[in-house]
Amino acid sequence: MQEDPATARDDAPDETAQDSVPAFIFELTRAANEVDCVSGRERSALLRRAASTIREYQEAMLGDVERAQLSSVEMLMAAAETPFAGSDEDVATSLRLAAGLIRGYRETAHRARH
């Protein structure tokens, strides 16, 4: 369902900010595929950046009630705080989840603009 341009929210991330999103999705996917080579510090930084990016999309695209029902940001922030607590497989799963969420939000925002 396409959003009416008259009611579209103007606070979604703009296309200039979007230019770096595909590179970040690639970076998340690469880290997930090579998780055994990614330091705890890098894992934490990637997960925090992913949570922040997802939060920005959610704030721009979703209402308060819808955002309250989503726990992806909280889950990613918890994973970022404890990058050594989970197995490599757990971290890789979190990185892939983040990449998928960001990709989906980006595509939805792009469709809403056009």
N, C-alpha and C. Protein backbone atom coordinates (compact mmCIF):
# COMPACT_ATOMS: atom_id res chain seq x y z
N MET A 1 0.84 -1.17 0.00
CA MET A 1 0.00 0.00 0.00
C MET A 1 0.88 1.23 0.00
N GLN A 2 0.67 2.11 -0.96
CA GLN A 2 1.50 3.30 -1.07
C GLN A 2 0.90 4.43 -0.25
N GLU A 3 1.77 5.13 0.44
CA GLU A 3 1.34 6.23 1.29
C GLU A 3 0.99 7.44 0.44
N ASP A 4 -0.05 8.14 0.83
CA ASP A 4 -0.48 9.36 0.16
C ASP A 4 0.60 10.42 0.36
N PRO A 5 1.14 11.02 -0.72
CA PRO A 5 2.19 12.03 -0.57
C PRO A 5 1.76 13.19 0.32
N ALA A 6 0.48 13.49 0.37
CA ALA A 6 0.01 14.60 1.20
C ALA A 6 0.14 14.29 2.69
N THR A 7 0.11 13.00 3.03
CA THR A 7 0.20 12.62 4.44
C THR A 7 1.53 11.97 4.79
N ALA A 8 2.43 11.84 3.82
CA ALA A 8 3.73 11.19 4.06
C ALA A 8 4.51 11.99 5.10
N ARG A 9 5.20 11.28 5.95
CA ARG A 9 6.00 11.94 6.99
C ARG A 9 7.29 12.42 6.38
N ASP A 10 7.67 13.65 6.71
CA ASP A 10 8.88 14.25 6.17
C ASP A 10 10.12 13.94 7.01
N ASP A 11 9.95 13.26 8.14
CA ASP A 11 11.09 13.04 9.01
C ASP A 11 11.78 11.69 8.78
N ALA A 12 11.40 10.96 7.73
CA ALA A 12 12.11 9.73 7.40
C ALA A 12 13.51 10.10 6.94
N PRO A 13 14.49 9.22 7.13
CA PRO A 13 15.85 9.54 6.70
C PRO A 13 15.85 9.93 5.22
N ASP A 14 16.57 11.01 4.91
CA ASP A 14 16.57 11.50 3.53
C ASP A 14 17.46 10.64 2.64
N GLU A 15 17.37 10.87 1.34
CA GLU A 15 18.10 10.01 0.40
C GLU A 15 19.60 10.17 0.52
N THR A 16 20.09 11.33 0.95
CA THR A 16 21.53 11.52 1.16
C THR A 16 22.02 10.57 2.25
N ALA A 17 21.28 10.51 3.36
CA ALA A 17 21.63 9.59 4.44
C ALA A 17 21.49 8.15 3.97
N GLN A 18 20.55 7.91 3.05
CA GLN A 18 20.30 6.57 2.55
C GLN A 18 21.48 6.03 1.74
N ASP A 19 22.28 6.92 1.16
CA ASP A 19 23.37 6.48 0.30
C ASP A 19 24.33 5.55 1.03
N SER A 20 24.52 5.76 2.32
CA SER A 20 25.45 4.93 3.07
C SER A 20 24.81 3.66 3.62
N VAL A 21 23.49 3.56 3.53
CA VAL A 21 22.80 2.41 4.10
C VAL A 21 23.18 1.11 3.40
N PRO A 22 23.19 1.04 2.06
CA PRO A 22 23.60 -0.23 1.43
C PRO A 22 25.01 -0.67 1.84
N ALA A 23 25.91 0.28 1.99
CA ALA A 23 27.27 -0.07 2.41
C ALA A 23 27.26 -0.63 3.84
N PHE A 24 26.42 -0.05 4.69
CA PHE A 24 26.33 -0.54 6.07
C PHE A 24 25.70 -1.93 6.11
N ILE A 25 24.68 -2.17 5.30
CA ILE A 25 24.06 -3.50 5.22
C ILE A 25 25.11 -4.51 4.77
N PHE A 26 25.92 -4.14 3.79
CA PHE A 26 27.00 -5.02 3.33
C PHE A 26 27.98 -5.29 4.46
N GLU A 27 28.32 -4.24 5.20
CA GLU A 27 29.26 -4.38 6.32
C GLU A 27 28.72 -5.33 7.39
N LEU A 28 27.44 -5.21 7.70
CA LEU A 28 26.81 -6.12 8.68
C LEU A 28 26.84 -7.57 8.18
N THR A 29 26.50 -7.73 6.92
CA THR A 29 26.47 -9.08 6.34
C THR A 29 27.87 -9.69 6.31
N ARG A 30 28.85 -8.88 5.91
CA ARG A 30 30.24 -9.37 5.89
C ARG A 30 30.68 -9.80 7.28
N ALA A 31 30.37 -8.96 8.28
CA ALA A 31 30.75 -9.28 9.65
C ALA A 31 30.06 -10.56 10.12
N ALA A 32 28.81 -10.74 9.74
CA ALA A 32 28.09 -11.96 10.13
C ALA A 32 28.73 -13.19 9.50
N ASN A 33 29.16 -13.06 8.26
CA ASN A 33 29.77 -14.20 7.56
C ASN A 33 31.19 -14.49 8.03
N GLU A 34 31.84 -13.49 8.62
CA GLU A 34 33.22 -13.65 9.10
C GLU A 34 33.32 -13.35 10.59
N VAL A 35 32.28 -13.72 11.32
CA VAL A 35 32.16 -13.32 12.72
C VAL A 35 33.34 -13.75 13.57
N ASP A 36 33.97 -14.85 13.25
CA ASP A 36 35.11 -15.32 14.04
C ASP A 36 36.32 -14.39 13.90
N CYS A 37 36.31 -13.53 12.88
CA CYS A 37 37.41 -12.58 12.67
C CYS A 37 37.07 -11.17 13.17
N VAL A 38 35.87 -10.99 13.71
CA VAL A 38 35.42 -9.67 14.13
C VAL A 38 35.64 -9.54 15.63
N SER A 39 36.35 -8.49 16.03
CA SER A 39 36.65 -8.28 17.45
C SER A 39 35.39 -7.94 18.23
N GLY A 40 35.46 -8.12 19.52
CA GLY A 40 34.34 -7.76 20.39
C GLY A 40 33.99 -6.29 20.27
N ARG A 41 34.99 -5.45 20.17
CA ARG A 41 34.77 -4.01 20.03
C ARG A 41 34.02 -3.71 18.72
N GLU A 42 34.44 -4.36 17.62
CA GLU A 42 33.76 -4.13 16.34
C GLU A 42 32.34 -4.69 16.37
N ARG A 43 32.15 -5.86 16.99
CA ARG A 43 30.80 -6.43 17.11
C ARG A 43 29.89 -5.44 17.82
N SER A 44 30.37 -4.92 18.93
CA SER A 44 29.59 -3.98 19.72
C SER A 44 29.26 -2.73 18.92
N ALA A 45 30.25 -2.18 18.23
CA ALA A 45 30.04 -0.96 17.44
C ALA A 45 29.03 -1.19 16.31
N LEU A 46 29.13 -2.31 15.63
CA LEU A 46 28.20 -2.61 14.55
C LEU A 46 26.77 -2.77 15.08
N LEU A 47 26.63 -3.48 16.18
CA LEU A 47 25.29 -3.70 16.74
C LEU A 47 24.68 -2.40 17.26
N ARG A 48 25.49 -1.55 17.86
CA ARG A 48 24.98 -0.24 18.33
C ARG A 48 24.57 0.63 17.15
N ARG A 49 25.39 0.66 16.13
CA ARG A 49 25.06 1.46 14.95
C ARG A 49 23.79 0.92 14.28
N ALA A 50 23.67 -0.40 14.23
CA ALA A 50 22.47 -1.01 13.65
C ALA A 50 21.23 -0.64 14.46
N ALA A 51 21.33 -0.73 15.78
CA ALA A 51 20.20 -0.38 16.64
C ALA A 51 19.82 1.08 16.44
N SER A 52 20.79 1.95 16.34
CA SER A 52 20.53 3.37 16.13
C SER A 52 19.86 3.61 14.78
N THR A 53 20.33 2.95 13.75
CA THR A 53 19.75 3.09 12.42
C THR A 53 18.31 2.60 12.41
N ILE A 54 18.07 1.45 13.01
CA ILE A 54 16.71 0.90 13.08
C ILE A 54 15.81 1.84 13.87
N ARG A 55 16.30 2.36 14.97
CA ARG A 55 15.51 3.29 15.78
C ARG A 55 15.13 4.53 14.96
N GLU A 56 16.05 5.06 14.17
CA GLU A 56 15.75 6.22 13.32
C GLU A 56 14.63 5.91 12.34
N TYR A 57 14.71 4.75 11.70
CA TYR A 57 13.65 4.36 10.77
C TYR A 57 12.32 4.21 11.51
N GLN A 58 12.36 3.55 12.66
CA GLN A 58 11.12 3.33 13.41
C GLN A 58 10.50 4.66 13.84
N GLU A 59 11.30 5.58 14.30
CA GLU A 59 10.79 6.87 14.74
C GLU A 59 10.18 7.64 13.57
N ALA A 60 10.77 7.49 12.39
CA ALA A 60 10.28 8.21 11.22
C ALA A 60 9.04 7.55 10.61
N MET A 61 8.93 6.24 10.73
CA MET A 61 7.91 5.53 9.98
C MET A 61 6.77 4.96 10.81
N LEU A 62 6.97 4.77 12.10
CA LEU A 62 5.97 4.09 12.91
C LEU A 62 5.40 5.00 13.98
N GLY A 63 4.20 4.71 14.39
CA GLY A 63 3.60 5.43 15.51
C GLY A 63 4.13 4.90 16.83
N ASP A 64 3.80 5.61 17.90
CA ASP A 64 4.28 5.24 19.24
C ASP A 64 3.89 3.83 19.64
N VAL A 65 2.65 3.44 19.38
CA VAL A 65 2.18 2.12 19.77
C VAL A 65 2.92 1.04 19.00
N GLU A 66 3.08 1.25 17.71
CA GLU A 66 3.79 0.26 16.89
C GLU A 66 5.23 0.11 17.36
N ARG A 67 5.90 1.23 17.65
CA ARG A 67 7.30 1.18 18.12
C ARG A 67 7.39 0.45 19.45
N ALA A 68 6.43 0.67 20.34
CA ALA A 68 6.48 0.04 21.66
C ALA A 68 6.39 -1.47 21.56
N GLN A 69 5.80 -1.98 20.50
CA GLN A 69 5.63 -3.42 20.34
C GLN A 69 6.87 -4.10 19.76
N LEU A 70 7.82 -3.33 19.29
CA LEU A 70 9.01 -3.89 18.67
C LEU A 70 10.16 -3.95 19.66
N SER A 71 10.81 -5.08 19.72
CA SER A 71 11.92 -5.22 20.66
C SER A 71 13.27 -5.35 19.96
N SER A 72 13.31 -5.18 18.66
CA SER A 72 14.56 -5.40 17.92
C SER A 72 15.66 -4.47 18.37
N VAL A 73 15.34 -3.20 18.62
CA VAL A 73 16.37 -2.25 19.04
C VAL A 73 16.93 -2.65 20.40
N GLU A 74 16.05 -2.99 21.32
CA GLU A 74 16.49 -3.39 22.66
C GLU A 74 17.34 -4.66 22.61
N MET A 75 16.92 -5.61 21.76
CA MET A 75 17.68 -6.86 21.64
C MET A 75 19.08 -6.59 21.09
N LEU A 76 19.17 -5.71 20.07
CA LEU A 76 20.48 -5.41 19.49
C LEU A 76 21.36 -4.64 20.46
N MET A 77 20.75 -3.73 21.22
CA MET A 77 21.54 -2.98 22.21
C MET A 77 22.06 -3.92 23.30
N ALA A 78 21.24 -4.87 23.72
CA ALA A 78 21.69 -5.85 24.72
C ALA A 78 22.84 -6.67 24.16
N ALA A 79 22.73 -7.08 22.91
CA ALA A 79 23.82 -7.84 22.28
C ALA A 79 25.08 -7.00 22.16
N ALA A 80 24.91 -5.70 21.91
CA ALA A 80 26.07 -4.80 21.80
C ALA A 80 26.78 -4.64 23.14
N GLU A 81 26.01 -4.66 24.22
CA GLU A 81 26.60 -4.50 25.55
C GLU A 81 27.38 -5.73 25.99
N THR A 82 27.06 -6.87 25.43
CA THR A 82 27.70 -8.12 25.83
C THR A 82 28.21 -8.88 24.60
N PRO A 83 29.14 -8.29 23.84
CA PRO A 83 29.56 -8.93 22.58
C PRO A 83 30.29 -10.26 22.78
N PHE A 84 30.74 -10.54 23.99
CA PHE A 84 31.44 -11.80 24.24
C PHE A 84 30.55 -12.84 24.90
N ALA A 85 29.33 -12.43 25.32
CA ALA A 85 28.46 -13.33 26.06
C ALA A 85 27.85 -14.40 25.17
N GLY A 86 27.51 -14.05 23.93
CA GLY A 86 26.90 -15.01 23.03
C GLY A 86 27.95 -15.74 22.21
N SER A 87 27.52 -16.82 21.63
CA SER A 87 28.42 -17.56 20.74
C SER A 87 28.59 -16.77 19.45
N ASP A 88 29.58 -17.15 18.65
CA ASP A 88 29.77 -16.52 17.35
C ASP A 88 28.49 -16.64 16.52
N GLU A 89 27.81 -17.78 16.63
CA GLU A 89 26.57 -17.99 15.89
C GLU A 89 25.48 -17.01 16.34
N ASP A 90 25.40 -16.76 17.65
CA ASP A 90 24.42 -15.80 18.17
C ASP A 90 24.69 -14.39 17.64
N VAL A 91 25.96 -13.99 17.64
CA VAL A 91 26.33 -12.67 17.15
C VAL A 91 26.05 -12.57 15.65
N ALA A 92 26.39 -13.61 14.90
CA ALA A 92 26.13 -13.61 13.46
C ALA A 92 24.64 -13.49 13.19
N THR A 93 23.82 -14.18 13.97
CA THR A 93 22.37 -14.09 13.81
C THR A 93 21.89 -12.67 14.08
N SER A 94 22.40 -12.04 15.12
CA SER A 94 22.02 -10.65 15.43
C SER A 94 22.43 -9.70 14.31
N LEU A 95 23.62 -9.89 13.76
CA LEU A 95 24.09 -9.03 12.67
C LEU A 95 23.22 -9.22 11.42
N ARG A 96 22.86 -10.47 11.12
CA ARG A 96 22.00 -10.73 9.96
C ARG A 96 20.59 -10.15 10.17
N LEU A 97 20.08 -10.29 11.39
CA LEU A 97 18.78 -9.71 11.70
C LEU A 97 18.81 -8.20 11.49
N ALA A 98 19.85 -7.56 11.98
CA ALA A 98 19.98 -6.11 11.84
C ALA A 98 20.03 -5.72 10.37
N ALA A 99 20.83 -6.44 9.58
CA ALA A 99 20.93 -6.13 8.15
C ALA A 99 19.57 -6.27 7.47
N GLY A 100 18.84 -7.31 7.80
CA GLY A 100 17.52 -7.53 7.21
C GLY A 100 16.52 -6.46 7.60
N LEU A 101 16.52 -6.07 8.86
CA LEU A 101 15.61 -5.02 9.32
C LEU A 101 15.91 -3.69 8.64
N ILE A 102 17.19 -3.34 8.58
CA ILE A 102 17.57 -2.07 7.95
C ILE A 102 17.21 -2.09 6.47
N ARG A 103 17.48 -3.21 5.81
CA ARG A 103 17.15 -3.33 4.38
C ARG A 103 15.63 -3.15 4.19
N GLY A 104 14.84 -3.79 5.02
CA GLY A 104 13.39 -3.69 4.90
C GLY A 104 12.88 -2.28 5.15
N TYR A 105 13.36 -1.64 6.20
CA TYR A 105 12.94 -0.26 6.48
C TYR A 105 13.36 0.67 5.35
N ARG A 106 14.57 0.48 4.83
CA ARG A 106 15.06 1.34 3.75
C ARG A 106 14.17 1.19 2.52
N GLU A 107 13.83 -0.04 2.15
CA GLU A 107 12.99 -0.27 0.99
C GLU A 107 11.59 0.32 1.18
N THR A 108 11.04 0.19 2.38
CA THR A 108 9.73 0.75 2.67
C THR A 108 9.76 2.28 2.59
N ALA A 109 10.79 2.89 3.15
CA ALA A 109 10.92 4.35 3.10
C ALA A 109 11.08 4.81 1.66
N HIS A 110 11.85 4.08 0.87
CA HIS A 110 12.06 4.45 -0.52
C HIS A 110 10.75 4.37 -1.30
N ARG A 111 9.98 3.31 -1.09
CA ARG A 111 8.68 3.17 -1.79
C ARG A 111 7.72 4.28 -1.38
N ALA A 112 7.76 4.69 -0.12
CA ALA A 112 6.85 5.74 0.37
C ALA A 112 7.17 7.08 -0.28
N ARG A 113 8.42 7.29 -0.65
CA ARG A 113 8.81 8.55 -1.28
C ARG A 113 8.46 8.62 -2.74
N HIS A 114 8.31 7.46 -3.38
CA HIS A 114 8.13 7.46 -4.85
C HIS A 114 6.76 6.98 -5.23
